[in-house]
C-alpha atoms as a PDB file:
ATOM      1  CA  MET A   1      85.834  97.309  34.346  1.00  0.00           C
ATOM      2  CA  ALA A   2      84.520  98.842  37.396  1.00  0.00           C
ATOM      3  CA  SER A   3      83.015 102.259  37.256  1.00  0.00           C
ATOM      4  CA  VAL A   4      84.200 105.124  39.543  1.00  0.00           C
ATOM      5  CA  THR A   5      81.328 106.832  41.677  1.00  0.00           C
ATOM      6  CA  ASP A   6      81.182 110.557  41.959  1.00  0.00           C
ATOM      7  CA  LEU A   7      80.277 111.260  45.007  1.00  0.00           C
ATOM      8  CA  ARG A   8      79.143 114.743  44.040  1.00  0.00           C
ATOM      9  CA  ARG A   9      76.267 113.139  42.225  1.00  0.00           C
ATOM     10  CA  PHE A  10      74.993 112.050  45.511  1.00  0.00           C
ATOM     11  CA  PRO A  11      71.998 114.035  47.089  1.00  0.00           C
ATOM     12  CA  GLY A  12      72.621 116.299  49.574  1.00  0.00           C
ATOM     13  CA  PHE A  13      76.453 116.415  48.948  1.00  0.00           C
ATOM     14  CA  LEU A  14      77.260 119.773  48.242  1.00  0.00           C
ATOM     15  CA  ALA A  15      74.609 121.068  50.875  1.00  0.00           C
ATOM     16  CA  ILE A  16      76.753 118.596  53.850  1.00  0.00           C
ATOM     17  CA  THR A  17      80.135 119.833  52.106  1.00  0.00           C
ATOM     18  CA  LEU A  18      79.183 123.667  52.455  1.00  0.00           C
ATOM     19  CA  THR A  19      77.921 122.910  56.250  1.00  0.00           C
ATOM     20  CA  CYS A  20      81.226 121.242  57.254  1.00  0.00           C
ATOM     21  CA  LEU A  21      83.082 124.144  55.628  1.00  0.00           C
ATOM     22  CA  VAL A  22      81.409 126.607  57.463  1.00  0.00           C
ATOM     23  CA  VAL A  23      81.213 124.697  60.843  1.00  0.00           C
ATOM     24  CA  LEU A  24      85.109 124.446  60.375  1.00  0.00           C
ATOM     25  CA  TYR A  25      86.223 127.179  58.976  1.00  0.00           C
ATOM     26  CA  ALA A  26      83.879 130.342  60.172  1.00  0.00           C
ATOM     27  CA  PRO A  27      84.975 131.005  63.392  1.00  0.00           C
ATOM     28  CA  LEU A  28      88.544 131.060  62.324  1.00  0.00           C
ATOM     29  CA  ILE A  29      87.276 133.571  59.798  1.00  0.00           C
ATOM     30  CA  VAL A  30      85.794 135.869  62.163  1.00  0.00           C
ATOM     31  CA  VAL A  31      88.459 135.815  64.847  1.00  0.00           C
ATOM     32  CA  ALA A  32      90.922 136.881  61.943  1.00  0.00           C
ATOM     33  CA  VAL A  33      88.558 139.535  60.875  1.00  0.00           C
ATOM     34  CA  TYR A  34      87.993 140.895  64.175  1.00  0.00           C
ATOM     35  CA  SER A  35      91.689 141.095  65.077  1.00  0.00           C
ATOM     36  CA  PHE A  36      91.671 144.017  62.856  1.00  0.00           C
ATOM     37  CA  ASN A  37      88.944 145.977  64.429  1.00  0.00           C
ATOM     38  CA  ALA A  38      89.581 149.481  65.570  1.00  0.00           C
ATOM     39  CA  SER A  39      87.027 149.014  68.358  1.00  0.00           C
ATOM     40  CA  THR A  40      87.351 147.558  71.982  1.00  0.00           C
ATOM     41  CA  SER A  41      84.379 145.408  71.221  1.00  0.00           C
ATOM     42  CA  ILE A  42      84.463 142.067  69.898  1.00  0.00           C
ATOM     43  CA  THR A  43      81.321 142.224  68.335  1.00  0.00           C
ATOM     44  CA  ASN A  44      81.241 145.693  66.739  1.00  0.00           C
ATOM     45  CA  TRP A  45      83.112 146.831  64.109  1.00  0.00           C
ATOM     46  CA  GLY A  46      84.563 150.003  64.705  1.00  0.00           C
ATOM     47  CA  GLY A  47      87.040 149.879  61.292  1.00  0.00           C
ATOM     48  CA  PHE A  48      90.029 148.600  60.106  1.00  0.00           C
ATOM     49  CA  SER A  49      92.896 149.077  62.433  1.00  0.00           C
ATOM     50  CA  LEU A  50      96.310 147.178  63.362  1.00  0.00           C
ATOM     51  CA  THR A  51      96.163 148.721  66.879  1.00  0.00           C
ATOM     52  CA  TRP A  52      95.612 145.275  68.324  1.00  0.00           C
ATOM     53  CA  TYR A  53      98.522 143.667  66.694  1.00  0.00           C
ATOM     54  CA  VAL A  54     100.884 146.646  68.183  1.00  0.00           C
ATOM     55  CA  ASP A  55      99.334 146.099  71.337  1.00  0.00           C
ATOM     56  CA  VAL A  56     100.705 142.365  70.718  1.00  0.00           C
ATOM     57  CA  PHE A  57     104.448 143.657  71.186  1.00  0.00           C
ATOM     58  CA  THR A  58     104.126 146.563  73.079  1.00  0.00           C
ATOM     59  CA  GLY A  59     100.898 146.582  75.203  1.00  0.00           C
ATOM     60  CA  PRO A  60     101.058 145.829  79.056  1.00  0.00           C
ATOM     61  CA  ASP A  61     100.489 142.273  78.091  1.00  0.00           C
ATOM     62  CA  ALA A  62     103.351 142.289  75.562  1.00  0.00           C
ATOM     63  CA  PRO A  63     106.411 140.801  78.386  1.00  0.00           C
ATOM     64  CA  LYS A  64     103.941 137.822  79.262  1.00  0.00           C
ATOM     65  CA  PHE A  65     103.359 136.949  75.996  1.00  0.00           C
ATOM     66  CA  GLN A  66     106.710 137.179  74.882  1.00  0.00           C
ATOM     67  CA  ARG A  67     108.003 134.862  77.591  1.00  0.00           C
ATOM     68  CA  ALA A  68     105.535 132.340  76.957  1.00  0.00           C
ATOM     69  CA  ALA A  69     106.149 132.720  73.203  1.00  0.00           C
ATOM     70  CA  ILE A  70     110.004 132.069  73.509  1.00  0.00           C
ATOM     71  CA  ASN A  71     108.866 128.888  75.826  1.00  0.00           C
ATOM     72  CA  SER A  72     107.092 127.775  73.160  1.00  0.00           C
ATOM     73  CA  LEU A  73     109.591 128.126  70.710  1.00  0.00           C
ATOM     74  CA  ILE A  74     112.145 126.428  72.612  1.00  0.00           C
ATOM     75  CA  ILE A  75     110.323 123.845  73.474  1.00  0.00           C
ATOM     76  CA  ALA A  76     108.751 122.923  69.697  1.00  0.00           C
ATOM     77  CA  VAL A  77     112.280 123.097  68.603  1.00  0.00           C
ATOM     78  CA  CYS A  78     113.853 120.765  70.760  1.00  0.00           C
ATOM     79  CA  ALA A  79     110.984 118.437  70.947  1.00  0.00           C
ATOM     80  CA  ALA A  80     110.640 118.429  66.775  1.00  0.00           C
ATOM     81  CA  VAL A  81     114.504 117.732  66.813  1.00  0.00           C
ATOM     82  CA  ALA A  82     114.337 114.904  69.094  1.00  0.00           C
ATOM     83  CA  ALA A  83     110.910 113.282  67.568  1.00  0.00           C
ATOM     84  CA  THR A  84     112.210 113.639  64.302  1.00  0.00           C
ATOM     85  CA  SER A  85     115.594 111.778  65.153  1.00  0.00           C
ATOM     86  CA  ILE A  86     113.890 109.089  66.826  1.00  0.00           C
ATOM     87  CA  ALA A  87     111.038 108.845  64.155  1.00  0.00           C
ATOM     88  CA  THR A  88     113.771 108.650  61.404  1.00  0.00           C
ATOM     89  CA  ALA A  89     115.668 105.996  63.145  1.00  0.00           C
ATOM     90  CA  ALA A  90     112.017 103.994  63.395  1.00  0.00           C
ATOM     91  CA  ALA A  91     111.410 104.581  59.756  1.00  0.00           C
ATOM     92  CA  VAL A  92     114.839 103.076  58.806  1.00  0.00           C
ATOM     93  CA  ALA A  93     114.187 100.070  60.957  1.00  0.00           C
ATOM     94  CA  MET A  94     110.430  99.605  60.121  1.00  0.00           C
ATOM     95  CA  THR A  95     111.393  99.660  56.239  1.00  0.00           C
ATOM     96  CA  ARG A  96     114.808  98.337  56.129  1.00  0.00           C
ATOM     97  CA  ALA A  97     115.059  95.682  58.700  1.00  0.00           C
ATOM     98  CA  GLY A  98     112.607  93.294  56.689  1.00  0.00           C
ATOM     99  CA  ARG A  99     110.403  91.151  58.799  1.00  0.00           C
ATOM    100  CA  PHE A 100     110.875  90.548  62.410  1.00  0.00           C
ATOM    101  CA  LYS A 101     109.031  89.586  65.818  1.00  0.00           C
ATOM    102  CA  GLY A 102     107.181  92.344  67.035  1.00  0.00           C
ATOM    103  CA  LYS A 103     107.171  94.682  63.825  1.00  0.00           C
ATOM    104  CA  THR A 104     103.233  94.849  63.978  1.00  0.00           C
ATOM    105  CA  LEU A 105     103.198  95.524  67.584  1.00  0.00           C
ATOM    106  CA  SER A 106     106.533  98.466  66.964  1.00  0.00           C
ATOM    107  CA  PHE A 107     104.040  99.913  64.407  1.00  0.00           C
ATOM    108  CA  ALA A 108     101.201 100.131  66.663  1.00  0.00           C
ATOM    109  CA  LEU A 109     103.216 101.720  69.519  1.00  0.00           C
ATOM    110  CA  ILE A 110     104.586 104.113  67.293  1.00  0.00           C
ATOM    111  CA  ASN A 111     101.408 105.493  66.195  1.00  0.00           C
ATOM    112  CA  LEU A 112      99.753 104.818  69.634  1.00  0.00           C
ATOM    113  CA  PRO A 113      99.655 108.782  70.500  1.00  0.00           C
ATOM    114  CA  LEU A 114      97.480 109.290  67.394  1.00  0.00           C
ATOM    115  CA  MET A 115      94.849 107.000  68.185  1.00  0.00           C
ATOM    116  CA  VAL A 116      94.863 107.611  72.302  1.00  0.00           C
ATOM    117  CA  PRO A 117      92.702 110.526  73.322  1.00  0.00           C
ATOM    118  CA  GLU A 118      94.358 113.341  73.757  1.00  0.00           C
ATOM    119  CA  VAL A 119      93.365 114.115  77.715  1.00  0.00           C
ATOM    120  CA  VAL A 120      93.986 110.367  78.390  1.00  0.00           C
ATOM    121  CA  THR A 121      97.716 111.095  77.058  1.00  0.00           C
ATOM    122  CA  ALA A 122      97.469 114.476  79.363  1.00  0.00           C
ATOM    123  CA  VAL A 123      96.418 112.570  82.595  1.00  0.00           C
ATOM    124  CA  ALA A 124      98.899 109.719  81.836  1.00  0.00           C
ATOM    125  CA  SER A 125     101.613 111.750  81.509  1.00  0.00           C
ATOM    126  CA  LEU A 126     101.032 113.628  84.812  1.00  0.00           C
ATOM    127  CA  VAL A 127     100.753 110.474  86.875  1.00  0.00           C
ATOM    128  CA  PHE A 128     103.455 109.337  85.461  1.00  0.00           C
ATOM    129  CA  PHE A 129     105.863 112.358  85.866  1.00  0.00           C
ATOM    130  CA  SER A 130     104.211 112.429  89.825  1.00  0.00           C
ATOM    131  CA  ALA A 131     105.023 108.717  90.187  1.00  0.00           C
ATOM    132  CA  ILE A 132     108.361 109.093  89.144  1.00  0.00           C
ATOM    133  CA  GLY A 133     108.992 112.160  91.484  1.00  0.00           C
ATOM    134  CA  PHE A 134     109.651 114.547  88.216  1.00  0.00           C
ATOM    135  CA  THR A 135     108.949 118.172  89.051  1.00  0.00           C
ATOM    136  CA  THR A 136     106.838 119.467  86.598  1.00  0.00           C
ATOM    137  CA  GLY A 137     108.176 122.352  84.168  1.00  0.00           C
ATOM    138  CA  LEU A 138     109.462 122.960  80.876  1.00  0.00           C
ATOM    139  CA  LEU A 139     111.478 119.697  81.032  1.00  0.00           C
ATOM    140  CA  THR A 140     108.141 118.024  81.856  1.00  0.00           C
ATOM    141  CA  ILE A 141     106.910 119.708  78.736  1.00  0.00           C
ATOM    142  CA  LEU A 142     109.364 118.834  76.393  1.00  0.00           C
ATOM    143  CA  VAL A 143     109.372 114.897  77.284  1.00  0.00           C
ATOM    144  CA  ALA A 144     105.313 114.798  76.755  1.00  0.00           C
ATOM    145  CA  HIS A 145     105.737 116.811  73.567  1.00  0.00           C
ATOM    146  CA  ILE A 146     108.635 114.697  72.210  1.00  0.00           C
ATOM    147  CA  VAL A 147     106.133 111.236  72.741  1.00  0.00           C
ATOM    148  CA  PHE A 148     103.323 112.871  70.798  1.00  0.00           C
ATOM    149  CA  CYS A 149     105.420 114.399  67.936  1.00  0.00           C
ATOM    150  CA  ILE A 150     106.779 111.036  67.457  1.00  0.00           C
ATOM    151  CA  PRO A 151     104.013 109.814  65.248  1.00  0.00           C
ATOM    152  CA  PHE A 152     103.588 112.946  63.431  1.00  0.00           C
ATOM    153  CA  ALA A 153     107.245 113.217  62.527  1.00  0.00           C
ATOM    154  CA  TYR A 154     107.429 109.054  61.683  1.00  0.00           C
ATOM    155  CA  LEU A 155     104.441 109.506  59.049  1.00  0.00           C
ATOM    156  CA  PRO A 156     105.755 111.537  56.289  1.00  0.00           C
ATOM    157  CA  ILE A 157     109.289 110.040  56.671  1.00  0.00           C
ATOM    158  CA  SER A 158     108.192 106.022  56.358  1.00  0.00           C
ATOM    159  CA  ALA A 159     106.226 107.282  53.263  1.00  0.00           C
ATOM    160  CA  ARG A 160     109.299 108.591  51.985  1.00  0.00           C
ATOM    161  CA  MET A 161     111.462 105.871  52.838  1.00  0.00           C
ATOM    162  CA  GLN A 162     108.911 103.314  51.374  1.00  0.00           C
ATOM    163  CA  SER A 163     109.219 105.242  47.931  1.00  0.00           C
ATOM    164  CA  ILE A 164     112.484 104.722  48.105  1.00  0.00           C
ATOM    165  CA  PRO A 165     113.859 101.155  46.668  1.00  0.00           C
ATOM    166  CA  ASP A 166     116.558  99.252  48.690  1.00  0.00           C
ATOM    167  CA  THR A 167     118.637  98.401  45.703  1.00  0.00           C
ATOM    168  CA  TYR A 168     119.916 102.124  45.751  1.00  0.00           C
ATOM    169  CA  GLU A 169     121.645 101.156  48.964  1.00  0.00           C
ATOM    170  CA  GLN A 170     122.558  97.808  47.475  1.00  0.00           C
ATOM    171  CA  ALA A 171     124.420  98.994  44.523  1.00  0.00           C
ATOM    172  CA  ALA A 172     126.091 101.504  46.449  1.00  0.00           C
ATOM    173  CA  MET A 173     127.218  98.253  48.717  1.00  0.00           C
ATOM    174  CA  ASP A 174     128.085  96.642  45.109  1.00  0.00           C
ATOM    175  CA  LEU A 175     130.281  99.215  44.880  1.00  0.00           C
ATOM    176  CA  TYR A 176     132.659  98.692  47.841  1.00  0.00           C
ATOM    177  CA  ALA A 177     130.402 101.305  50.066  1.00  0.00           C
ATOM    178  CA  THR A 178     130.155 100.248  53.847  1.00  0.00           C
ATOM    179  CA  PRO A 179     126.429 100.084  54.978  1.00  0.00           C
ATOM    180  CA  ARG A 180     127.056 103.324  57.134  1.00  0.00           C
ATOM    181  CA  GLN A 181     128.449 105.268  53.940  1.00  0.00           C
ATOM    182  CA  ALA A 182     125.437 103.482  51.873  1.00  0.00           C
ATOM    183  CA  PHE A 183     123.251 105.182  54.604  1.00  0.00           C
ATOM    184  CA  THR A 184     124.751 108.531  54.989  1.00  0.00           C
ATOM    185  CA  MET A 185     125.911 109.179  51.104  1.00  0.00           C
ATOM    186  CA  VAL A 186     122.922 107.464  49.438  1.00  0.00           C
ATOM    187  CA  LEU A 187     119.475 107.035  51.688  1.00  0.00           C
ATOM    188  CA  LEU A 188     119.914 109.831  54.054  1.00  0.00           C
ATOM    189  CA  PRO A 189     120.001 112.697  50.930  1.00  0.00           C
ATOM    190  CA  LEU A 190     117.026 110.610  49.471  1.00  0.00           C
ATOM    191  CA  MET A 191     115.083 110.589  52.914  1.00  0.00           C
ATOM    192  CA  THR A 192     115.846 114.922  53.188  1.00  0.00           C
ATOM    193  CA  PRO A 193     112.764 115.792  52.021  1.00  0.00           C
ATOM    194  CA  GLY A 194     110.594 113.528  54.598  1.00  0.00           C
ATOM    195  CA  ILE A 195     112.774 114.375  57.361  1.00  0.00           C
ATOM    196  CA  LEU A 196     112.233 117.958  56.651  1.00  0.00           C
ATOM    197  CA  SER A 197     108.453 117.642  56.699  1.00  0.00           C
ATOM    198  CA  GLY A 198     108.239 115.686  59.642  1.00  0.00           C
ATOM    199  CA  PHE A 199     110.369 118.032  61.625  1.00  0.00           C
ATOM    200  CA  LEU A 200     108.090 121.267  60.229  1.00  0.00           C
ATOM    201  CA  LEU A 201     104.749 119.151  61.013  1.00  0.00           C
ATOM    202  CA  ALA A 202     106.347 118.045  64.486  1.00  0.00           C
ATOM    203  CA  PHE A 203     107.131 121.388  65.142  1.00  0.00           C
ATOM    204  CA  ILE A 204     103.877 123.203  64.804  1.00  0.00           C
ATOM    205  CA  ILE A 205     102.211 120.306  66.624  1.00  0.00           C
ATOM    206  CA  SER A 206     104.613 121.113  69.699  1.00  0.00           C
ATOM    207  CA  LEU A 207     103.811 124.800  69.078  1.00  0.00           C
ATOM    208  CA  ASP A 208      99.907 124.568  69.200  1.00  0.00           C
ATOM    209  CA  ASP A 209      99.410 122.212  71.807  1.00  0.00           C
ATOM    210  CA  PHE A 210      97.643 123.188  74.638  1.00  0.00           C
ATOM    211  CA  LEU A 211      95.855 120.023  76.479  1.00  0.00           C
ATOM    212  CA  ILE A 212      98.964 117.985  77.325  1.00  0.00           C
ATOM    213  CA  THR A 213     100.970 121.319  77.858  1.00  0.00           C
ATOM    214  CA  ASN A 214      98.374 122.611  80.348  1.00  0.00           C
ATOM    215  CA  PHE A 215      98.511 119.529  82.298  1.00  0.00           C
ATOM    216  CA  VAL A 216     102.187 118.921  82.802  1.00  0.00           C
ATOM    217  CA  LYS A 217     103.304 122.360  82.604  1.00  0.00           C
ATOM    218  CA  GLY A 218     103.444 123.104  86.350  1.00  0.00           C
ATOM    219  CA  ALA A 219     102.807 126.424  88.190  1.00  0.00           C
ATOM    220  CA  GLY A 220     104.581 129.355  86.905  1.00  0.00           C
ATOM    221  CA  VAL A 221     105.263 128.227  83.554  1.00  0.00           C
ATOM    222  CA  GLU A 222     103.637 129.158  80.359  1.00  0.00           C
ATOM    223  CA  THR A 223     103.543 128.415  76.555  1.00  0.00           C
ATOM    224  CA  LEU A 224     101.493 130.690  74.125  1.00  0.00           C
ATOM    225  CA  PRO A 225      98.916 128.597  73.943  1.00  0.00           C
ATOM    226  CA  THR A 226      98.306 128.054  77.706  1.00  0.00           C
ATOM    227  CA  ALA A 227      99.174 131.838  78.150  1.00  0.00           C
ATOM    228  CA  ILE A 228      96.008 132.579  75.715  1.00  0.00           C
ATOM    229  CA  PHE A 229      93.781 130.680  77.596  1.00  0.00           C
ATOM    230  CA  GLY A 230      94.790 132.399  81.111  1.00  0.00           C
ATOM    231  CA  SER A 231      94.065 135.450  79.379  1.00  0.00           C
ATOM    232  CA  VAL A 232      90.671 134.342  77.979  1.00  0.00           C
ATOM    233  CA  LYS A 233      89.614 133.190  81.138  1.00  0.00           C
ATOM    234  CA  GLN A 234      89.792 136.938  82.471  1.00  0.00           C
ATOM    235  CA  GLY A 235      87.591 137.999  79.165  1.00  0.00           C
ATOM    236  CA  ILE A 236      87.920 137.731  75.664  1.00  0.00           C
ATOM    237  CA  LYS A 237      90.190 140.966  74.420  1.00  0.00           C
ATOM    238  CA  PRO A 238      90.813 141.816  70.799  1.00  0.00           C
ATOM    239  CA  ASN A 239      94.770 141.570  71.464  1.00  0.00           C
ATOM    240  CA  ILE A 240      93.882 137.940  72.051  1.00  0.00           C
ATOM    241  CA  MET A 241      92.667 137.787  68.603  1.00  0.00           C
ATOM    242  CA  ALA A 242      95.439 139.150  67.111  1.00  0.00           C
ATOM    243  CA  ILE A 243      97.610 136.574  68.802  1.00  0.00           C
ATOM    244  CA  SER A 244      95.469 133.751  67.822  1.00  0.00           C
ATOM    245  CA  THR A 245      95.569 135.174  64.062  1.00  0.00           C
ATOM    246  CA  LEU A 246      99.258 135.343  64.329  1.00  0.00           C
ATOM    247  CA  MET A 247      99.665 131.425  65.413  1.00  0.00           C
ATOM    248  CA  LEU A 248      96.834 130.790  62.803  1.00  0.00           C
ATOM    249  CA  GLY A 249      99.133 132.041  60.121  1.00  0.00           C
ATOM    250  CA  VAL A 250     102.244 130.470  61.367  1.00  0.00           C
ATOM    251  CA  SER A 251     100.544 127.072  61.504  1.00  0.00           C
ATOM    252  CA  ILE A 252      99.293 127.460  58.170  1.00  0.00           C
ATOM    253  CA  VAL A 253     102.806 128.271  56.538  1.00  0.00           C
ATOM    254  CA  PHE A 254     104.598 125.294  58.365  1.00  0.00           C
ATOM    255  CA  VAL A 255     101.775 122.635  57.446  1.00  0.00           C
ATOM    256  CA  SER A 256     101.828 124.102  53.826  1.00  0.00           C
ATOM    257  CA  LEU A 257     105.495 124.039  53.910  1.00  0.00           C
ATOM    258  CA  SER A 258     105.784 120.246  55.178  1.00  0.00           C
ATOM    259  CA  TRP A 259     103.359 119.189  52.433  1.00  0.00           C
ATOM    260  CA  LEU A 260     105.039 120.993  49.890  1.00  0.00           C
ATOM    261  CA  ILE A 261     108.388 119.695  50.775  1.00  0.00           C
ATOM    262  CA  GLY A 262     107.232 116.091  50.951  1.00  0.00           C
ATOM    263  CA  ARG A 263     105.502 116.365  47.353  1.00  0.00           C
ATOM    264  CA  THR A 264     108.641 118.095  45.694  1.00  0.00           C
ATOM    265  CA  GLY A 265     110.647 115.166  47.306  1.00  0.00           C
ATOM    266  CA  GLN A 266     107.985 112.826  45.947  1.00  0.00           C
ATOM    267  CA  ASN A 267     107.839 114.243  42.671  1.00  0.00           C
ATOM    268  CA  LYS A 268     111.957 114.455  42.184  1.00  0.00           C
ATOM    269  CA  LYS A 269     112.363 110.703  43.070  1.00  0.00           C
END
């Protein structure tokens, strides 16, 4: 019987782990802490205050950030719905259609946005929209977001489907259900946790995206990440830290919900 290797026993494992955690999370903690700073300084602590969170909603920059936030929410919801629908159809085809010619290629194409560097996707999207004469704006952002959100929605949906035996649908059709009824009344309810998990993941990926959005948004169109970047270029202000902390909190909540829903679905199987 093969022995299980305990990585924690390797020399330097703890030091490397702590270093990685500090590098990854220390900047986020610093931003979150200083968003409650009463001082206008971003380095000197002046006491605890919610001033900058109030400024986000009532300050002079509030209208700009509110418009950007509305744009981000609209794009994220539409992109998540479209990407999840396409990912669901792809997952059903990949897991229930058996072997077919080009299946491996199809799987590679679905997951291609995960492997291609984001800056390459951004440049390619901009070039494509320019080549077909598509005016950049909210619509180009939406199209680009749908494309790169598909694999993020596909992964939890496909994982959920692979855990559902096809004998359920076969049993339903043996009881005179049509293929459509077997899908809508048997398979779809079992897939729901994966679909919800994929939707939430696609939503937060779209909401937080900056690089691709910055390339394809066009002049005068802003989402929340690009609006934050534009403000940062003029100098880092405490209200930017407050907005960043709010976005971080939303991201943590949605990613946690995606993970919990997917796990709950697996446990109930």
